[in-house]
C-alpha cells in the first residue's frame, strides 16, 4: 500500500457511511466517498461545509459557516490552493503525496536533467513536486481552469521561474503531435479519468483505452528514461492490471522493473486506511 503520511495541513479524520470527514488546514469538510461502506467511528463530526449529492446526479455544497473562496495547504515545502469545487472536489488529491515523494527521490537521485510529461495533470500536484525536485515539466490538461490553477500552485510554492510548459489540450492528441515532432521525455506521469468525452465527442473509458494510451506514450520516452507513473481511480481496475500493462508495454523495450499497489490515506480515528485508487510505477534505471 502506498500511504501519504507526511501531511500536516491535511487529515482524514474519519470515514464511513459513504462519507469522509477531513481537515484541510483549519477548515473541516465532509465529502462523499463510495469506498467508505462501513460506519463512522462514533466520534464528533462537525464540518464547516458538506457536499451533498443530488438524486438527479451531481450535487452541491452546503455551508455551515462562511468560508474563504480558497485557502492554502502545504506539504513539505510545497503550497497549494484548495477550494470547494464541483463534483465534491477541492482541487487537490492529498493521497498523491505518496507518489510525489517517490518521484522526487528519483528525480533528485538521477544526477542529470530530467524532462517530465504530466498528462491529465489537473491542478498540478505532480507538476509542482517534479519542478521543485529540479525537473523541467510539460503539464497537459484539457481544462483551461485546471491549468490556470497549476500556474497558481507553482507561484504559491515559489516556483514560477522553473521550466514548465502549460498546455491546454486533449492529452491523446497532444502525445500524437509530440511523437510526430520527435519530442522525448525522461518521465511520463498520467492520471487519466475513468470516463470522459473528447473535444469531438469521443468516448474515453479507461478500461478500453489505457493499454493503447500507454503504448502511445512509450513512443515519447527518451533513450534513457527514468520512470513512468500511472494513476487510476477506476474502482474495478486492480493494481496488478497497471503492473501488467507496464510490464507488457514498457519492459520488453527498455528493461527496468514495475510495481503497483493501492494508494491510501491513514485515518486518524480507528485502525484503518481509506482506499484512494491505485498506482503503477515503472523504474528504468
Protein backbone atom coordinates (compact mmCIF):
# COMPACT_ATOMS: atom_id res chain seq x y z
CA UNK A 1 0.00 0.00 0.00
CA UNK A 2 1.29 3.47 -0.95
CA UNK A 3 0.50 5.74 2.01
CA UNK A 4 0.58 9.53 2.16
CA UNK A 5 1.77 10.02 5.73
CA UNK A 6 3.61 13.37 5.77
CA UNK A 7 0.72 15.83 5.74
CA UNK A 8 0.39 18.46 8.47
CA UNK A 9 -2.22 20.62 6.70
CA UNK A 10 -4.42 17.70 5.70
CA UNK A 11 -6.01 14.95 7.76
CA UNK A 12 -8.57 12.27 7.04
CA UNK A 13 -10.13 12.29 10.49
CA UNK A 14 -12.85 9.69 10.00
CA UNK A 15 -14.78 7.94 7.26
CA UNK A 16 -17.87 5.79 6.96
CA UNK A 17 -21.48 5.76 5.78
CA UNK A 18 -20.25 6.69 2.31
CA UNK A 19 -18.53 9.88 3.52
CA UNK A 20 -15.13 11.12 4.64
CA UNK A 21 -14.52 13.78 7.30
CA UNK A 22 -11.38 15.80 6.58
CA UNK A 23 -9.36 18.70 7.88
CA UNK A 24 -7.88 20.98 5.22
CA UNK A 25 -5.71 23.40 7.19
CA UNK A 26 -8.16 24.80 9.74
CA UNK A 27 -11.26 24.01 7.67
CA UNK A 28 -13.31 20.82 8.10
CA UNK A 29 -15.11 19.24 5.15
CA UNK A 30 -17.48 16.28 4.82
CA UNK A 31 -17.43 14.74 1.34
CA UNK A 32 -18.86 11.61 -0.28
CA UNK A 33 -16.62 8.58 -0.70
CA UNK A 34 -18.22 5.43 -2.10
CA UNK A 35 -15.40 3.24 -0.75
CA UNK A 36 -16.30 4.01 2.88
CA UNK A 37 -19.06 1.40 3.18
CA UNK A 38 -18.55 0.83 6.93
CA UNK A 39 -19.92 3.04 9.75
CA UNK A 40 -18.29 6.15 11.19
CA UNK A 41 -16.28 5.53 14.36
CA UNK A 42 -18.79 7.38 16.53
CA UNK A 43 -16.61 10.43 17.13
CA UNK A 44 -17.76 14.01 16.70
CA UNK A 45 -18.50 15.10 13.12
CA UNK A 46 -18.78 18.88 12.81
CA UNK A 47 -17.92 20.06 9.29
CA UNK A 48 -17.69 23.64 8.11
CA UNK A 49 -19.11 22.50 4.76
CA UNK A 50 -20.62 19.33 3.34
CA UNK A 51 -21.00 18.17 -0.24
CA UNK A 52 -24.49 16.76 -0.77
CA UNK A 53 -25.21 14.51 -3.70
CA UNK A 54 -28.36 15.09 -5.73
CA UNK A 55 -30.72 12.23 -6.60
CA UNK A 56 -30.71 13.53 -10.18
CA UNK A 57 -26.89 13.50 -10.41
CA UNK A 58 -24.17 15.88 -9.34
CA UNK A 59 -24.69 17.79 -6.14
CA UNK A 60 -23.81 20.98 -4.28
CA UNK A 61 -22.00 22.28 -1.20
CA UNK A 62 -23.90 23.07 1.98
CA UNK A 63 -22.12 25.61 4.20
CA UNK A 64 -22.37 25.80 7.99
CA UNK A 65 -20.04 28.80 8.28
CA UNK A 66 -18.65 31.36 5.87
CA UNK A 67 -15.53 30.01 4.17
CA UNK A 68 -12.91 31.86 2.12
CA UNK A 69 -13.17 31.40 -1.62
CA UNK A 70 -9.90 29.49 -1.43
CA UNK A 71 -7.18 28.81 1.11
CA UNK A 72 -3.68 27.33 1.24
CA UNK A 73 -2.36 23.98 2.41
CA UNK A 74 1.27 22.88 2.40
CA UNK A 75 3.12 19.59 2.05
CA UNK A 76 6.81 19.85 2.91
CA UNK A 77 7.96 22.98 1.01
CA UNK A 78 5.09 22.91 -1.49
CA UNK A 79 1.97 25.07 -1.19
CA UNK A 80 -1.38 24.50 -2.92
CA UNK A 81 -4.60 26.41 -3.26
CA UNK A 82 -7.75 24.47 -2.36
CA UNK A 83 -11.42 25.39 -2.55
CA UNK A 84 -14.85 23.72 -2.67
CA UNK A 85 -15.38 22.78 -6.32
CA UNK A 86 -17.95 20.92 -8.37
CA UNK A 87 -18.37 17.14 -8.11
CA UNK A 88 -17.15 17.18 -4.44
CA UNK A 89 -13.56 18.14 -5.36
CA UNK A 90 -11.18 20.56 -3.67
CA UNK A 91 -8.54 20.90 -6.40
CA UNK A 92 -6.06 18.54 -4.76
CA UNK A 93 -5.73 14.79 -4.17
CA UNK A 94 -3.73 14.55 -0.91
CA UNK A 95 -3.15 10.80 -1.25
CA UNK A 96 -0.90 11.53 -4.23
CA UNK A 97 1.76 12.80 -1.83
CA UNK A 98 2.88 9.16 -1.66
CA UNK A 99 3.76 9.36 -5.36
CA UNK A 100 5.25 12.85 -5.11
CA UNK A 101 7.71 11.55 -2.54
CA UNK A 102 8.63 8.61 -4.76
CA UNK A 103 9.14 10.61 -7.95
CA UNK A 104 11.05 13.48 -6.34
CA UNK A 105 13.50 11.00 -4.86
CA UNK A 106 14.12 9.55 -8.33
CA UNK A 107 14.50 12.97 -9.95
CA UNK A 108 16.94 14.23 -7.34
CA UNK A 109 18.92 11.00 -7.48
CA UNK A 110 19.24 10.99 -11.26
CA UNK A 111 22.19 13.43 -11.27
CA UNK A 112 21.17 14.66 -14.73
CA UNK A 113 18.50 16.93 -16.24
CA UNK A 114 15.10 15.23 -16.24
CA UNK A 115 12.27 16.17 -18.58
CA UNK A 116 8.80 15.17 -17.33
CA UNK A 117 5.49 14.90 -19.20
CA UNK A 118 2.49 15.17 -16.87
CA UNK A 119 -0.70 14.11 -18.68
CA UNK A 120 -4.20 14.78 -17.35
CA UNK A 121 -2.23 17.00 -14.96
CA UNK A 122 -5.27 18.58 -13.25
CA UNK A 123 -4.17 21.36 -10.87
CA UNK A 124 -0.55 20.26 -10.94
CA UNK A 125 0.31 18.49 -7.71
CA UNK A 126 2.78 16.24 -9.54
CA UNK A 127 3.99 19.12 -11.70
CA UNK A 128 4.82 21.25 -8.66
CA UNK A 129 6.57 18.33 -6.95
CA UNK A 130 8.62 17.41 -10.03
CA UNK A 131 9.60 21.03 -10.71
CA UNK A 132 10.62 21.51 -7.08
CA UNK A 133 12.88 18.46 -7.41
CA UNK A 134 14.65 20.08 -10.36
CA UNK A 135 12.86 18.64 -13.40
CA UNK A 136 11.55 20.55 -16.39
CA UNK A 137 7.87 19.72 -16.88
CA UNK A 138 5.28 19.77 -19.64
CA UNK A 139 1.87 19.97 -17.93
CA UNK A 140 -1.10 18.97 -20.10
CA UNK A 141 -4.81 19.09 -19.27
CA UNK A 142 -7.89 19.73 -21.41
CA UNK A 143 -9.45 22.10 -18.85
CA UNK A 144 -8.17 25.67 -19.05
CA UNK A 145 -9.14 26.49 -15.47
CA UNK A 146 -7.20 23.49 -14.13
CA UNK A 147 -4.06 24.56 -15.97
CA UNK A 148 -4.53 28.08 -14.57
CA UNK A 149 -4.68 26.62 -11.05
CA UNK A 150 -1.48 24.71 -11.73
CA UNK A 151 0.21 28.03 -12.51
CA UNK A 152 -1.21 29.41 -9.26
CA UNK A 153 0.16 26.47 -7.29
CA UNK A 154 3.58 26.91 -8.87
CA UNK A 155 3.56 30.56 -7.81
CA UNK A 156 2.41 29.75 -4.26
CA UNK A 157 5.33 27.31 -3.99
CA UNK A 158 7.78 29.95 -5.21
CA UNK A 159 8.46 28.04 -8.42
CA UNK A 160 7.18 30.41 -11.12
CA UNK A 161 10.65 30.69 -12.62
CA UNK A 162 11.02 26.93 -13.12
CA UNK A 163 10.92 25.50 -16.69
CA UNK A 164 7.28 24.40 -17.02
CA UNK A 165 5.20 24.38 -20.21
CA UNK A 166 1.45 24.72 -19.62
CA UNK A 167 -0.62 23.10 -22.36
CA UNK A 168 -4.42 23.17 -22.67
CA UNK A 169 -5.15 20.26 -24.99
CA UNK A 170 -6.57 16.78 -25.39
CA UNK A 171 -3.86 14.51 -24.00
CA UNK A 172 -4.10 11.83 -26.67
CA UNK A 173 -3.84 14.33 -29.50
CA UNK A 174 -1.01 16.17 -27.79
CA UNK A 175 1.05 12.97 -27.41
CA UNK A 176 0.41 12.10 -31.05
CA UNK A 177 1.76 15.51 -32.10
CA UNK A 178 4.79 15.17 -29.80
CA UNK A 179 5.63 11.85 -31.46
CA UNK A 180 5.47 13.46 -34.90
CA UNK A 181 7.62 16.36 -33.66
CA UNK A 182 10.21 13.98 -32.23
CA UNK A 183 9.81 15.30 -28.68
CA UNK A 184 11.11 12.97 -25.98
CA UNK A 185 10.70 12.81 -22.19
CA UNK A 186 12.61 11.08 -19.42
CA UNK A 187 9.49 10.50 -17.32
CA UNK A 188 5.77 10.23 -18.01
CA UNK A 189 3.05 10.71 -15.42
CA UNK A 190 -0.56 10.03 -16.29
CA UNK A 191 -3.73 10.39 -14.24
CA UNK A 192 -6.42 9.55 -16.81
CA UNK A 193 -10.12 9.83 -15.97
CA UNK A 194 -12.28 6.74 -15.58
CA UNK A 195 -14.72 8.13 -18.13
CA UNK A 196 -14.86 11.19 -20.32
CA UNK A 197 -15.51 12.68 -23.72
CA UNK A 198 -13.01 14.17 -26.11
CA UNK A 199 -13.37 17.56 -27.83
CA UNK A 200 -15.22 15.94 -30.75
CA UNK A 201 -17.45 13.76 -28.58
CA UNK A 202 -15.12 10.75 -28.50
CA UNK A 203 -15.88 8.48 -25.55
CA UNK A 204 -12.99 7.66 -23.21
CA UNK A 205 -13.43 4.62 -20.96
CA UNK A 206 -10.28 3.80 -19.06
CA UNK A 207 -10.63 0.01 -19.22
CA UNK A 208 -10.80 0.22 -23.01
CA UNK A 209 -8.25 2.95 -23.64
CA UNK A 210 -5.47 2.63 -21.07
CA UNK A 211 -3.39 -0.11 -22.72
CA UNK A 212 -3.33 1.69 -26.07
CA UNK A 213 -2.57 5.01 -24.42
CA UNK A 214 0.41 3.59 -22.54
CA UNK A 215 1.69 2.14 -25.84
CA UNK A 216 1.30 5.57 -27.40
CA UNK A 217 3.15 7.26 -24.56
CA UNK A 218 6.01 4.75 -24.80
CA UNK A 219 6.89 6.44 -28.09
CA UNK A 220 7.77 9.74 -26.39
CA UNK A 221 10.22 8.19 -23.93
CA UNK A 222 13.83 9.24 -24.25
CA UNK A 223 16.71 6.86 -24.91
CA UNK A 224 17.46 6.82 -21.18
CA UNK A 225 14.12 7.24 -19.39
CA UNK A 226 13.79 7.43 -15.61
CA UNK A 227 10.24 6.46 -14.64
CA UNK A 228 6.61 6.12 -15.65
CA UNK A 229 3.67 6.52 -13.29
CA UNK A 230 0.04 5.54 -13.94
CA UNK A 231 -2.71 6.58 -11.53
CA UNK A 232 -6.18 5.07 -11.64
CA UNK A 233 -9.32 5.90 -9.68
CA UNK A 234 -11.41 3.32 -11.54
CA UNK A 235 -12.83 1.07 -8.82
CA UNK A 236 -12.79 -2.15 -10.83
CA UNK A 237 -9.22 -1.75 -12.11
CA UNK A 238 -6.93 -3.70 -9.77
CA UNK A 239 -3.31 -2.60 -9.19
CA UNK A 240 -1.99 -5.75 -10.85
CA UNK A 241 -3.63 -4.61 -14.09
CA UNK A 242 -1.46 -1.49 -14.08
CA UNK A 243 1.64 -3.56 -13.39
CA UNK A 244 0.78 -5.99 -16.20
CA UNK A 245 0.31 -3.15 -18.68
CA UNK A 246 3.67 -1.62 -17.75
CA UNK A 247 5.44 -4.98 -17.94
CA UNK A 248 3.93 -5.90 -21.30
CA UNK A 249 4.35 -2.50 -22.98
CA UNK A 250 7.43 -0.93 -21.43
CA UNK A 251 9.71 -3.64 -20.06
CA UNK A 252 10.41 -5.53 -23.33
CA UNK A 253 11.80 -2.37 -24.95
CA UNK A 254 13.55 -0.66 -22.05
CA UNK A 255 14.13 -3.17 -19.27
CA UNK A 256 13.55 -2.00 -15.72
CA UNK A 257 11.03 -3.04 -13.12
CA UNK A 258 7.36 -2.46 -12.38
CA UNK A 259 5.31 -2.46 -9.22
CA UNK A 260 1.75 -1.48 -8.39
CA UNK A 261 -0.36 -1.13 -5.27
CA UNK A 262 -3.33 0.59 -3.74
CA UNK A 263 -2.97 4.25 -2.78
CA UNK A 264 -4.46 5.09 0.61
CA UNK A 265 -4.79 7.69 3.34
CA UNK A 266 -4.33 6.86 7.01
CA UNK A 267 -7.48 7.57 9.03
CA UNK A 268 -6.95 9.26 12.39
CA UNK A 269 -9.82 7.57 14.18
CA UNK A 270 -9.56 3.81 14.23
CA UNK A 271 -7.09 1.33 12.80
CA UNK A 272 -7.96 1.78 9.14
CA UNK A 273 -6.93 3.29 5.82
CA UNK A 274 -9.13 4.93 3.21
CA UNK A 275 -8.54 3.42 -0.27
CA UNK A 276 -7.92 6.07 -2.93
CA UNK A 277 -7.34 4.18 -6.17
CA UNK A 278 -4.17 2.54 -7.41
CA UNK A 279 -0.81 3.45 -8.90
CA UNK A 280 1.52 1.58 -11.22
CA UNK A 281 5.18 2.57 -11.04
CA UNK A 282 7.93 1.70 -13.52
CA UNK A 283 11.59 2.47 -12.91
CA UNK A 284 14.04 2.23 -15.81
CA UNK A 285 17.33 2.74 -14.01
